[in-house]
Amino acid sequence: KGVKYMKEHKTLTKKDIFKCWFFWFMFNHASYNYERLQANSFAHSMAPAIEKLYDKKEDISDALKRHLVFFNTEPNFGAVIPGITIAMEEKRANGEPVTGEAINSIKTGLMGPIAGIGDTILQGVLLPILLSFGIGLGMEGNIMGPILYAVIISATIAGISYVTFMQG
């Protein structure tokens, strides 16, 4: 008699979010097309969260379609965008007033500026510095030059991607 039924609050765990980041990190350049660029990879990285957040097949379908629109950014600094998107999807699934248009507006508004920042820092600063170091050692016959370059750039990119995704 005085029991009120509340809608179950859906919460993503750290493991769910890590899985989404891992999919983004591993597949962000895996499926480009000329019409939507990284959209397939974006939707793929969102899939674990969407499947946990939404119960109805039509809600899952709508959410995946929402993430199959044009998307293109620098994927490591740009990992903040799927991170923000997951947070918005979680709020939407829990009944907060977050529209699909708001989610796409955030994605669209951030992808250009983030790409500019990420490309400048990674391709304009970090890569040339690390390459000059690795090539310099390699030209002296030291095999550690290219090995150090590969290890340092890989760890740096993974770290940047993880931190920015989780901050989003």
C-alpha atoms as a PDB file:
ATOM      1  CA  LYS A   1       0.000   0.000   0.000  1.00  0.00           C
ATOM      2  CA  GLY A   2       2.386   3.040   0.362  1.00  0.00           C
ATOM      3  CA  VAL A   3       5.125   1.527  -1.823  1.00  0.00           C
ATOM      4  CA  LYS A   4       6.202   3.689  -4.722  1.00  0.00           C
ATOM      5  CA  TYR A   5       7.805   2.071  -7.674  1.00  0.00           C
ATOM      6  CA  MET A   6      10.892   3.852  -8.847  1.00  0.00           C
ATOM      7  CA  LYS A   7      12.538   3.411 -12.183  1.00  0.00           C
ATOM      8  CA  GLU A   8      15.793   1.524 -11.890  1.00  0.00           C
ATOM      9  CA  HIS A   9      18.771   3.904 -12.076  1.00  0.00           C
ATOM     10  CA  LYS A  10      21.212   2.662 -14.678  1.00  0.00           C
ATOM     11  CA  THR A  11      24.856   3.209 -13.887  1.00  0.00           C
ATOM     12  CA  LEU A  12      27.879   2.318 -15.958  1.00  0.00           C
ATOM     13  CA  THR A  13      30.720   0.702 -14.063  1.00  0.00           C
ATOM     14  CA  LYS A  14      34.389   1.539 -14.470  1.00  0.00           C
ATOM     15  CA  LYS A  15      34.709  -1.770 -16.351  1.00  0.00           C
ATOM     16  CA  ASP A  16      31.967  -0.728 -18.825  1.00  0.00           C
ATOM     17  CA  ILE A  17      33.648   2.614 -19.433  1.00  0.00           C
ATOM     18  CA  PHE A  18      37.066   0.978 -19.794  1.00  0.00           C
ATOM     19  CA  LYS A  19      35.625  -1.383 -22.406  1.00  0.00           C
ATOM     20  CA  CYS A  20      34.245   1.573 -24.374  1.00  0.00           C
ATOM     21  CA  TRP A  21      37.630   3.320 -24.172  1.00  0.00           C
ATOM     22  CA  PHE A  22      39.447   0.166 -25.262  1.00  0.00           C
ATOM     23  CA  PHE A  23      37.154  -0.184 -28.291  1.00  0.00           C
ATOM     24  CA  TRP A  24      37.741   3.478 -29.166  1.00  0.00           C
ATOM     25  CA  PHE A  25      41.510   3.186 -28.695  1.00  0.00           C
ATOM     26  CA  MET A  26      41.862   0.004 -30.746  1.00  0.00           C
ATOM     27  CA  PHE A  27      39.376   0.760 -33.520  1.00  0.00           C
ATOM     28  CA  ASN A  28      39.290   4.562 -33.961  1.00  0.00           C
ATOM     29  CA  HIS A  29      41.091   4.314 -37.306  1.00  0.00           C
ATOM     30  CA  ALA A  30      39.761   0.883 -38.262  1.00  0.00           C
ATOM     31  CA  SER A  31      36.782   1.825 -40.379  1.00  0.00           C
ATOM     32  CA  TYR A  32      36.904   5.072 -42.312  1.00  0.00           C
ATOM     33  CA  ASN A  33      34.519   5.907 -45.100  1.00  0.00           C
ATOM     34  CA  TYR A  34      34.225   9.063 -47.176  1.00  0.00           C
ATOM     35  CA  GLU A  35      30.718   9.881 -46.030  1.00  0.00           C
ATOM     36  CA  ARG A  36      31.062   9.540 -42.251  1.00  0.00           C
ATOM     37  CA  LEU A  37      34.812   9.067 -41.580  1.00  0.00           C
ATOM     38  CA  GLN A  38      35.138   7.718 -37.974  1.00  0.00           C
ATOM     39  CA  ALA A  39      31.399   7.244 -37.313  1.00  0.00           C
ATOM     40  CA  ASN A  40      31.513   3.434 -37.504  1.00  0.00           C
ATOM     41  CA  SER A  41      34.323   3.337 -34.949  1.00  0.00           C
ATOM     42  CA  PHE A  42      32.510   5.835 -32.735  1.00  0.00           C
ATOM     43  CA  ALA A  43      29.301   3.784 -32.737  1.00  0.00           C
ATOM     44  CA  HIS A  44      31.306   0.593 -32.110  1.00  0.00           C
ATOM     45  CA  SER A  45      32.953   2.156 -29.058  1.00  0.00           C
ATOM     46  CA  MET A  46      29.566   3.306 -27.724  1.00  0.00           C
ATOM     47  CA  ALA A  47      27.888  -0.093 -28.180  1.00  0.00           C
ATOM     48  CA  PRO A  48      28.818  -1.662 -24.796  1.00  0.00           C
ATOM     49  CA  ALA A  49      27.441   1.341 -22.889  1.00  0.00           C
ATOM     50  CA  ILE A  50      24.338   1.666 -25.036  1.00  0.00           C
ATOM     51  CA  GLU A  51      23.475  -2.016 -24.677  1.00  0.00           C
ATOM     52  CA  LYS A  52      23.736  -1.728 -20.896  1.00  0.00           C
ATOM     53  CA  LEU A  53      21.839   1.558 -20.618  1.00  0.00           C
ATOM     54  CA  TYR A  54      18.847   0.855 -22.844  1.00  0.00           C
ATOM     55  CA  ASP A  55      16.439  -2.062 -22.559  1.00  0.00           C
ATOM     56  CA  LYS A  56      14.247  -1.647 -25.627  1.00  0.00           C
ATOM     57  CA  LYS A  57      15.646  -2.628 -29.003  1.00  0.00           C
ATOM     58  CA  GLU A  58      14.300   0.563 -30.584  1.00  0.00           C
ATOM     59  CA  ASP A  59      16.135   2.688 -27.978  1.00  0.00           C
ATOM     60  CA  ILE A  60      19.364   0.804 -28.664  1.00  0.00           C
ATOM     61  CA  SER A  61      18.839   1.212 -32.399  1.00  0.00           C
ATOM     62  CA  ASP A  62      18.129   4.941 -32.060  1.00  0.00           C
ATOM     63  CA  ALA A  63      21.242   5.461 -29.945  1.00  0.00           C
ATOM     64  CA  LEU A  64      23.485   3.586 -32.381  1.00  0.00           C
ATOM     65  CA  LYS A  65      22.009   5.516 -35.313  1.00  0.00           C
ATOM     66  CA  ARG A  66      22.706   8.721 -33.398  1.00  0.00           C
ATOM     67  CA  HIS A  67      26.389   7.782 -33.355  1.00  0.00           C
ATOM     68  CA  LEU A  68      26.581   6.797 -37.005  1.00  0.00           C
ATOM     69  CA  VAL A  69      26.507  10.420 -38.170  1.00  0.00           C
ATOM     70  CA  PHE A  70      29.636  12.130 -39.497  1.00  0.00           C
ATOM     71  CA  PHE A  71      32.451  12.203 -36.966  1.00  0.00           C
ATOM     72  CA  ASN A  72      36.118  13.071 -37.395  1.00  0.00           C
ATOM     73  CA  THR A  73      38.691  14.233 -34.870  1.00  0.00           C
ATOM     74  CA  GLU A  74      42.199  13.506 -33.658  1.00  0.00           C
ATOM     75  CA  PRO A  75      41.539  10.235 -31.834  1.00  0.00           C
ATOM     76  CA  ASN A  76      43.792  10.550 -28.786  1.00  0.00           C
ATOM     77  CA  PHE A  77      42.985  14.011 -27.470  1.00  0.00           C
ATOM     78  CA  GLY A  78      39.593  13.538 -29.127  1.00  0.00           C
ATOM     79  CA  ALA A  79      38.881  10.574 -26.837  1.00  0.00           C
ATOM     80  CA  VAL A  80      37.323  13.135 -24.510  1.00  0.00           C
ATOM     81  CA  ILE A  81      34.352  13.314 -26.916  1.00  0.00           C
ATOM     82  CA  PRO A  82      33.232   9.680 -26.617  1.00  0.00           C
ATOM     83  CA  GLY A  83      33.817  10.036 -22.864  1.00  0.00           C
ATOM     84  CA  ILE A  84      31.438  13.002 -22.700  1.00  0.00           C
ATOM     85  CA  THR A  85      28.996  11.186 -24.963  1.00  0.00           C
ATOM     86  CA  ILE A  86      28.860   8.160 -22.659  1.00  0.00           C
ATOM     87  CA  ALA A  87      28.079  10.448 -19.713  1.00  0.00           C
ATOM     88  CA  MET A  88      25.291  12.128 -21.700  1.00  0.00           C
ATOM     89  CA  GLU A  89      23.865   8.765 -22.802  1.00  0.00           C
ATOM     90  CA  GLU A  90      23.824   7.618 -19.185  1.00  0.00           C
ATOM     91  CA  LYS A  91      21.905  10.736 -18.143  1.00  0.00           C
ATOM     92  CA  ARG A  92      19.489  10.305 -21.045  1.00  0.00           C
ATOM     93  CA  ALA A  93      18.864   6.646 -20.165  1.00  0.00           C
ATOM     94  CA  ASN A  94      18.022   7.697 -16.614  1.00  0.00           C
ATOM     95  CA  GLY A  95      15.351  10.121 -17.759  1.00  0.00           C
ATOM     96  CA  GLU A  96      17.227  13.396 -17.555  1.00  0.00           C
ATOM     97  CA  PRO A  97      16.363  15.967 -20.227  1.00  0.00           C
ATOM     98  CA  VAL A  98      19.234  15.179 -22.603  1.00  0.00           C
ATOM     99  CA  THR A  99      18.113  15.005 -26.214  1.00  0.00           C
ATOM    100  CA  GLY A 100      19.720  13.137 -29.064  1.00  0.00           C
ATOM    101  CA  GLU A 101      20.247  16.500 -30.761  1.00  0.00           C
ATOM    102  CA  ALA A 102      22.143  17.772 -27.696  1.00  0.00           C
ATOM    103  CA  ILE A 103      24.437  14.757 -27.804  1.00  0.00           C
ATOM    104  CA  ASN A 104      25.166  15.231 -31.510  1.00  0.00           C
ATOM    105  CA  SER A 105      25.642  18.974 -31.007  1.00  0.00           C
ATOM    106  CA  ILE A 106      28.329  18.370 -28.379  1.00  0.00           C
ATOM    107  CA  LYS A 107      30.085  15.873 -30.656  1.00  0.00           C
ATOM    108  CA  THR A 108      29.914  18.204 -33.655  1.00  0.00           C
ATOM    109  CA  GLY A 109      30.979  21.262 -31.693  1.00  0.00           C
ATOM    110  CA  LEU A 110      34.022  19.618 -30.127  1.00  0.00           C
ATOM    111  CA  MET A 111      35.437  17.508 -32.937  1.00  0.00           C
ATOM    112  CA  GLY A 112      37.023  20.401 -34.874  1.00  0.00           C
ATOM    113  CA  PRO A 113      38.669  22.297 -32.009  1.00  0.00           C
ATOM    114  CA  ILE A 114      39.893  19.095 -30.347  1.00  0.00           C
ATOM    115  CA  ALA A 115      41.351  17.906 -33.659  1.00  0.00           C
ATOM    116  CA  GLY A 116      43.242  21.178 -34.007  1.00  0.00           C
ATOM    117  CA  ILE A 117      44.703  20.895 -30.521  1.00  0.00           C
ATOM    118  CA  GLY A 118      45.523  17.187 -30.814  1.00  0.00           C
ATOM    119  CA  ASP A 119      47.093  17.425 -34.279  1.00  0.00           C
ATOM    120  CA  THR A 120      49.206  20.404 -33.220  1.00  0.00           C
ATOM    121  CA  ILE A 121      50.521  18.778 -30.054  1.00  0.00           C
ATOM    122  CA  LEU A 122      51.000  15.232 -31.353  1.00  0.00           C
ATOM    123  CA  GLN A 123      51.958  15.696 -34.997  1.00  0.00           C
ATOM    124  CA  GLY A 124      53.501  19.144 -34.698  1.00  0.00           C
ATOM    125  CA  VAL A 125      55.450  18.813 -31.457  1.00  0.00           C
ATOM    126  CA  LEU A 126      55.648  15.358 -29.884  1.00  0.00           C
ATOM    127  CA  LEU A 127      56.206  13.178 -32.955  1.00  0.00           C
ATOM    128  CA  PRO A 128      59.015  15.335 -34.455  1.00  0.00           C
ATOM    129  CA  ILE A 129      60.852  15.493 -31.133  1.00  0.00           C
ATOM    130  CA  LEU A 130      60.627  11.754 -30.503  1.00  0.00           C
ATOM    131  CA  LEU A 131      61.440  10.912 -34.122  1.00  0.00           C
ATOM    132  CA  SER A 132      64.542  13.128 -34.110  1.00  0.00           C
ATOM    133  CA  PHE A 133      65.708  11.412 -30.940  1.00  0.00           C
ATOM    134  CA  GLY A 134      65.028   7.914 -32.318  1.00  0.00           C
ATOM    135  CA  ILE A 135      66.486   8.638 -35.760  1.00  0.00           C
ATOM    136  CA  GLY A 136      69.572  10.251 -34.186  1.00  0.00           C
ATOM    137  CA  LEU A 137      70.287   7.134 -32.167  1.00  0.00           C
ATOM    138  CA  GLY A 138      69.482   4.897 -35.123  1.00  0.00           C
ATOM    139  CA  MET A 139      71.885   6.752 -37.432  1.00  0.00           C
ATOM    140  CA  GLU A 140      74.664   6.050 -34.956  1.00  0.00           C
ATOM    141  CA  GLY A 141      73.885   2.360 -35.297  1.00  0.00           C
ATOM    142  CA  ASN A 142      72.071   2.086 -31.988  1.00  0.00           C
ATOM    143  CA  ILE A 143      69.093  -0.254 -32.367  1.00  0.00           C
ATOM    144  CA  MET A 144      67.539   1.281 -29.245  1.00  0.00           C
ATOM    145  CA  GLY A 145      66.629   4.445 -31.196  1.00  0.00           C
ATOM    146  CA  PRO A 146      63.669   3.002 -33.092  1.00  0.00           C
ATOM    147  CA  ILE A 147      62.720   0.717 -30.196  1.00  0.00           C
ATOM    148  CA  LEU A 148      62.639   3.601 -27.711  1.00  0.00           C
ATOM    149  CA  TYR A 149      60.633   5.697 -30.178  1.00  0.00           C
ATOM    150  CA  ALA A 150      58.036   2.944 -30.629  1.00  0.00           C
ATOM    151  CA  VAL A 151      57.707   2.300 -26.891  1.00  0.00           C
ATOM    152  CA  ILE A 152      57.576   5.964 -25.842  1.00  0.00           C
ATOM    153  CA  ILE A 153      55.118   7.077 -28.532  1.00  0.00           C
ATOM    154  CA  SER A 154      52.850   4.085 -27.918  1.00  0.00           C
ATOM    155  CA  ALA A 155      52.782   4.632 -24.159  1.00  0.00           C
ATOM    156  CA  THR A 156      52.238   8.369 -24.571  1.00  0.00           C
ATOM    157  CA  ILE A 157      49.368   7.962 -27.033  1.00  0.00           C
ATOM    158  CA  ALA A 158      47.682   5.293 -24.890  1.00  0.00           C
ATOM    159  CA  GLY A 159      48.065   7.472 -21.805  1.00  0.00           C
ATOM    160  CA  ILE A 160      46.676  10.589 -23.472  1.00  0.00           C
ATOM    161  CA  SER A 161      43.756   8.639 -24.910  1.00  0.00           C
ATOM    162  CA  TYR A 162      42.899   6.958 -21.596  1.00  0.00           C
ATOM    163  CA  VAL A 163      43.119  10.112 -19.504  1.00  0.00           C
ATOM    164  CA  THR A 164      41.108  12.268 -21.905  1.00  0.00           C
ATOM    165  CA  PHE A 165      38.428   9.582 -22.341  1.00  0.00           C
ATOM    166  CA  MET A 166      38.026   9.154 -18.587  1.00  0.00           C
ATOM    167  CA  GLN A 167      37.947  12.926 -18.047  1.00  0.00           C
ATOM    168  CA  GLY A 168      35.098  13.157 -20.546  1.00  0.00           C
END
